[in-house]
């Protein structure tokens, strides 16, 4: 019965999203699985080179932050990555098992006294390269939207 419903929806040309999910242990090697998924989605849905580069940069940043800052490199804690592909956009969600952070109270990485700092640009990068960047209330989940 479910197959009939799906087929009926396809015949009626109803657009439905496709969901991809990764459960990544909090270790640097997990980035390889993330990058493979980004490449798979970009190839399958003919994502432009610019959007692909922005997705790769943002998602690497978000997942490394989740691994290092959120889950404190605890390989027993997971980072969950979801990608929902719709007709004209991809919505990525990155969630860690940490306590979160106050994303509204971050130092401006473009301030003169911060330009020499080696860290502290992650949220700035996400907000500037994604079409939309939304944090949950606790700060342990970020949703990144990209038009495709």
Protein backbone atom coordinates (compact mmCIF):
# COMPACT_ATOMS: atom_id res chain seq x y z
CA UNK A 1 0.00 0.00 0.00
CA UNK A 2 2.80 2.42 0.82
CA UNK A 3 4.47 1.71 -2.52
CA UNK A 4 1.25 2.55 -4.30
CA UNK A 5 1.04 5.85 -2.45
CA UNK A 6 4.62 6.73 -3.40
CA UNK A 7 3.99 5.77 -7.02
CA UNK A 8 0.75 7.77 -7.08
CA UNK A 9 2.61 10.78 -5.70
CA UNK A 10 5.32 10.40 -8.34
CA UNK A 11 2.72 10.10 -11.09
CA UNK A 12 1.02 13.24 -9.80
CA UNK A 13 4.45 14.94 -10.04
CA UNK A 14 4.47 15.83 -6.34
CA UNK A 15 7.94 16.96 -5.25
CA UNK A 16 9.11 15.33 -2.06
CA UNK A 17 12.41 15.80 -0.28
CA UNK A 18 15.10 13.17 0.11
CA UNK A 19 16.72 12.75 3.52
CA UNK A 20 20.32 11.66 4.10
CA UNK A 21 21.67 10.99 7.60
CA UNK A 22 25.13 10.40 9.06
CA UNK A 23 25.92 9.44 12.66
CA UNK A 24 29.55 10.39 13.14
CA UNK A 25 31.75 9.49 16.11
CA UNK A 26 33.46 12.57 17.54
CA UNK A 27 36.84 12.08 15.92
CA UNK A 28 38.57 13.92 13.08
CA UNK A 29 38.44 10.91 10.74
CA UNK A 30 34.65 11.29 10.59
CA UNK A 31 35.14 14.26 8.26
CA UNK A 32 35.90 11.83 5.42
CA UNK A 33 32.35 10.42 5.60
CA UNK A 34 30.90 13.94 5.66
CA UNK A 35 32.88 15.00 2.60
CA UNK A 36 31.82 11.86 0.71
CA UNK A 37 28.15 12.67 1.41
CA UNK A 38 28.55 16.30 0.30
CA UNK A 39 30.19 15.12 -2.94
CA UNK A 40 27.46 12.50 -3.52
CA UNK A 41 24.68 15.06 -3.09
CA UNK A 42 26.46 17.67 -5.20
CA UNK A 43 26.94 15.17 -8.05
CA UNK A 44 23.44 13.69 -7.87
CA UNK A 45 21.65 17.05 -7.81
CA UNK A 46 24.05 19.00 -10.07
CA UNK A 47 25.00 21.54 -7.41
CA UNK A 48 27.02 24.44 -8.83
CA UNK A 49 30.74 24.64 -8.04
CA UNK A 50 30.27 27.78 -5.91
CA UNK A 51 27.47 26.24 -3.83
CA UNK A 52 29.46 23.01 -3.50
CA UNK A 53 32.47 24.96 -2.17
CA UNK A 54 30.27 26.87 0.29
CA UNK A 55 28.61 23.66 1.51
CA UNK A 56 31.96 21.91 1.92
CA UNK A 57 33.44 24.85 3.85
CA UNK A 58 30.42 25.38 6.11
CA UNK A 59 29.79 21.73 6.88
CA UNK A 60 33.45 21.02 7.60
CA UNK A 61 33.45 23.97 9.98
CA UNK A 62 30.16 23.00 11.66
CA UNK A 63 31.11 19.34 12.10
CA UNK A 64 34.65 20.04 13.35
CA UNK A 65 33.18 22.51 15.85
CA UNK A 66 30.63 19.89 16.94
CA UNK A 67 33.37 17.27 17.36
CA UNK A 68 35.87 19.52 19.15
CA UNK A 69 33.83 22.12 21.03
CA UNK A 70 30.48 20.36 21.40
CA UNK A 71 31.46 16.77 22.09
CA UNK A 72 35.01 17.51 23.33
CA UNK A 73 36.50 14.80 21.05
CA UNK A 74 34.63 12.11 23.01
CA UNK A 75 34.35 9.28 20.45
CA UNK A 76 31.41 7.87 22.43
CA UNK A 77 29.39 10.98 21.59
CA UNK A 78 27.90 11.34 18.13
CA UNK A 79 27.49 14.20 15.71
CA UNK A 80 24.31 13.76 13.68
CA UNK A 81 24.28 15.25 10.18
CA UNK A 82 21.08 15.38 8.17
CA UNK A 83 20.70 16.65 4.63
CA UNK A 84 17.22 17.20 3.25
CA UNK A 85 17.34 17.76 -0.49
CA UNK A 86 14.37 19.57 -1.95
CA UNK A 87 13.72 20.85 -5.45
CA UNK A 88 15.64 24.11 -5.11
CA UNK A 89 17.57 23.80 -1.86
CA UNK A 90 19.48 21.55 0.51
CA UNK A 91 18.91 21.96 4.25
CA UNK A 92 21.74 20.55 6.39
CA UNK A 93 21.40 20.05 10.13
CA UNK A 94 24.40 19.36 12.37
CA UNK A 95 23.69 18.32 15.97
CA UNK A 96 26.15 17.43 18.72
CA UNK A 97 25.61 16.00 22.20
CA UNK A 98 27.30 18.89 23.99
CA UNK A 99 25.80 21.59 26.19
CA UNK A 100 25.77 24.15 23.36
CA UNK A 101 26.98 27.74 23.39
CA UNK A 102 25.71 31.30 23.23
CA UNK A 103 25.96 32.05 19.51
CA UNK A 104 24.60 35.59 20.08
CA UNK A 105 27.54 36.60 22.30
CA UNK A 106 30.56 35.92 20.12
CA UNK A 107 33.47 38.25 19.54
CA UNK A 108 33.56 39.88 16.10
CA UNK A 109 36.39 38.11 14.22
CA UNK A 110 36.78 41.16 11.96
CA UNK A 111 37.55 43.48 14.90
CA UNK A 112 41.12 44.84 14.72
CA UNK A 113 42.17 43.10 17.96
CA UNK A 114 40.86 39.73 16.67
CA UNK A 115 42.37 39.68 13.17
CA UNK A 116 45.53 37.87 14.32
CA UNK A 117 43.57 35.18 16.22
CA UNK A 118 43.76 31.68 14.77
CA UNK A 119 40.26 30.66 15.93
CA UNK A 120 36.85 32.22 16.42
CA UNK A 121 35.66 32.58 12.82
CA UNK A 122 33.39 29.53 12.50
CA UNK A 123 29.99 31.12 13.08
CA UNK A 124 31.05 34.12 10.98
CA UNK A 125 31.88 31.75 8.10
CA UNK A 126 28.57 29.86 8.44
CA UNK A 127 26.52 33.06 8.43
CA UNK A 128 28.32 34.44 5.38
CA UNK A 129 28.54 31.35 3.15
CA UNK A 130 25.19 29.64 3.79
CA UNK A 131 22.01 31.18 2.41
CA UNK A 132 20.49 30.82 5.87
CA UNK A 133 22.02 29.80 9.22
CA UNK A 134 19.77 28.97 12.18
CA UNK A 135 20.91 27.81 15.62
CA UNK A 136 18.61 26.09 18.09
CA UNK A 137 18.07 27.76 21.48
CA UNK A 138 20.84 25.86 23.29
CA UNK A 139 23.38 26.22 20.49
CA UNK A 140 24.13 22.52 19.96
CA UNK A 141 22.38 22.35 16.59
CA UNK A 142 22.76 24.44 13.46
CA UNK A 143 20.63 24.37 10.33
CA UNK A 144 22.29 25.51 7.11
CA UNK A 145 20.30 26.26 3.94
CA UNK A 146 21.80 26.32 0.45
CA UNK A 147 19.93 27.14 -2.76
CA UNK A 148 20.64 24.66 -5.55
